[in-house]
Amino acid sequence: LRFPELAKAFYEKGPGRASGRLAEVLEAARDRGEIQLDDCRWAADHFVGMFRDNLHLRVVLGLCPPPSPAEADAAVISAVGIFLHGVYG
């Protein structure tokens, strides 16, 4: 890695920050008895990772254009639904 400080700063200010804040929200919900999670940070990392999916990779690699607002909304709705309800029923 040529610029480890830059990589660390990017992660801490972007995906790491989002995961950390979401983990706090999930922990509060767990403490109120609204959800059941053993590891809120891991769940938060999974959720944030859902947004860095193959569509993101295809756009970064120039294989397809960025999604339209409607396509982005559909991706978010899908990720939230899978995260909250899983793939069952």
Protein backbone atom coordinates (compact mmCIF):
# COMPACT_ATOMS: atom_id res chain seq x y z
CA LEU A 1 0.00 0.00 0.00
CA ARG A 2 1.58 3.26 -1.12
CA PHE A 3 -0.33 5.63 1.16
CA PRO A 4 -1.47 3.77 4.29
CA GLU A 5 -2.31 6.99 6.13
CA LEU A 6 -4.61 8.07 3.29
CA ALA A 7 -6.32 4.66 3.21
CA LYS A 8 -6.87 4.77 6.97
CA ALA A 9 -8.21 8.34 6.86
CA PHE A 10 -10.58 7.45 4.01
CA TYR A 11 -11.94 4.43 5.88
CA GLU A 12 -12.31 6.29 9.20
CA LYS A 13 -14.08 9.27 7.60
CA GLY A 14 -16.29 7.22 5.24
CA PRO A 15 -17.33 3.58 5.60
CA GLY A 16 -15.90 3.21 9.11
CA ARG A 17 -17.73 6.28 10.34
CA ALA A 18 -21.01 5.12 8.82
CA SER A 19 -20.62 1.65 10.34
CA GLY A 20 -19.73 3.10 13.72
CA ARG A 21 -22.74 5.39 13.84
CA LEU A 22 -25.10 2.67 12.62
CA ALA A 23 -23.67 0.29 15.24
CA GLU A 24 -24.57 2.88 17.91
CA VAL A 25 -28.14 3.11 16.58
CA LEU A 26 -28.44 -0.69 16.51
CA GLU A 27 -27.03 -1.00 20.03
CA ALA A 28 -29.60 1.51 21.32
CA ALA A 29 -32.40 -0.43 19.61
CA ARG A 30 -31.07 -3.67 21.08
CA ASP A 31 -30.92 -2.10 24.55
CA ARG A 32 -34.57 -1.05 24.19
CA GLY A 33 -35.47 -4.64 23.25
CA GLU A 34 -36.51 -3.68 19.71
CA ILE A 35 -34.01 -5.96 17.94
CA GLN A 36 -31.92 -8.99 18.79
CA LEU A 37 -28.28 -8.77 17.69
CA ASP A 38 -25.17 -10.20 19.30
CA ASP A 39 -22.69 -8.03 17.40
CA CYS A 40 -24.08 -4.66 16.31
CA ARG A 41 -20.80 -3.52 14.75
CA TRP A 42 -20.64 -6.60 12.54
CA ALA A 43 -24.26 -6.10 11.47
CA ALA A 44 -23.53 -2.44 10.71
CA ASP A 45 -20.49 -3.41 8.64
CA HIS A 46 -22.64 -5.86 6.67
CA PHE A 47 -25.28 -3.22 6.03
CA VAL A 48 -22.78 -0.60 4.87
CA GLY A 49 -21.16 -3.27 2.69
CA MET A 50 -24.48 -3.92 0.98
CA PHE A 51 -24.18 -0.48 -0.60
CA ARG A 52 -20.73 -1.27 -1.99
CA ASP A 53 -22.10 -4.10 -4.05
CA ASN A 54 -21.45 -5.26 -7.59
CA LEU A 55 -23.28 -2.25 -9.04
CA HIS A 56 -20.79 0.03 -7.33
CA LEU A 57 -17.89 -2.05 -8.62
CA ARG A 58 -19.27 -2.05 -12.17
CA VAL A 59 -19.63 1.75 -12.08
CA VAL A 60 -16.11 2.24 -10.66
CA LEU A 61 -14.69 -0.04 -13.35
CA GLY A 62 -16.56 1.89 -16.05
CA LEU A 63 -18.65 -1.12 -17.05
CA CYS A 64 -21.93 0.73 -16.61
CA PRO A 65 -23.11 4.28 -15.90
CA PRO A 66 -24.01 5.43 -12.40
CA PRO A 67 -27.55 4.49 -11.39
CA SER A 68 -30.38 6.93 -11.89
CA PRO A 69 -32.03 8.32 -8.75
CA ALA A 70 -34.83 5.75 -9.16
CA GLU A 71 -32.31 2.90 -9.52
CA ALA A 72 -30.39 4.13 -6.48
CA ASP A 73 -33.64 4.32 -4.47
CA ALA A 74 -34.52 0.76 -5.53
CA ALA A 75 -31.08 -0.49 -4.43
CA VAL A 76 -31.44 1.22 -1.04
CA ILE A 77 -34.96 -0.13 -0.52
CA SER A 78 -33.78 -3.64 -1.42
CA ALA A 79 -30.76 -3.49 0.91
CA VAL A 80 -32.85 -2.17 3.82
CA GLY A 81 -35.50 -4.85 3.24
CA ILE A 82 -32.96 -7.66 3.13
CA PHE A 83 -31.14 -6.29 6.18
CA LEU A 84 -34.31 -5.92 8.25
CA HIS A 85 -36.22 -8.99 7.07
CA GLY A 86 -33.65 -11.33 5.55
CA VAL A 87 -34.49 -13.36 2.51
CA TYR A 88 -37.27 -15.37 4.13
CA GLY A 89 -40.96 -14.81 3.46
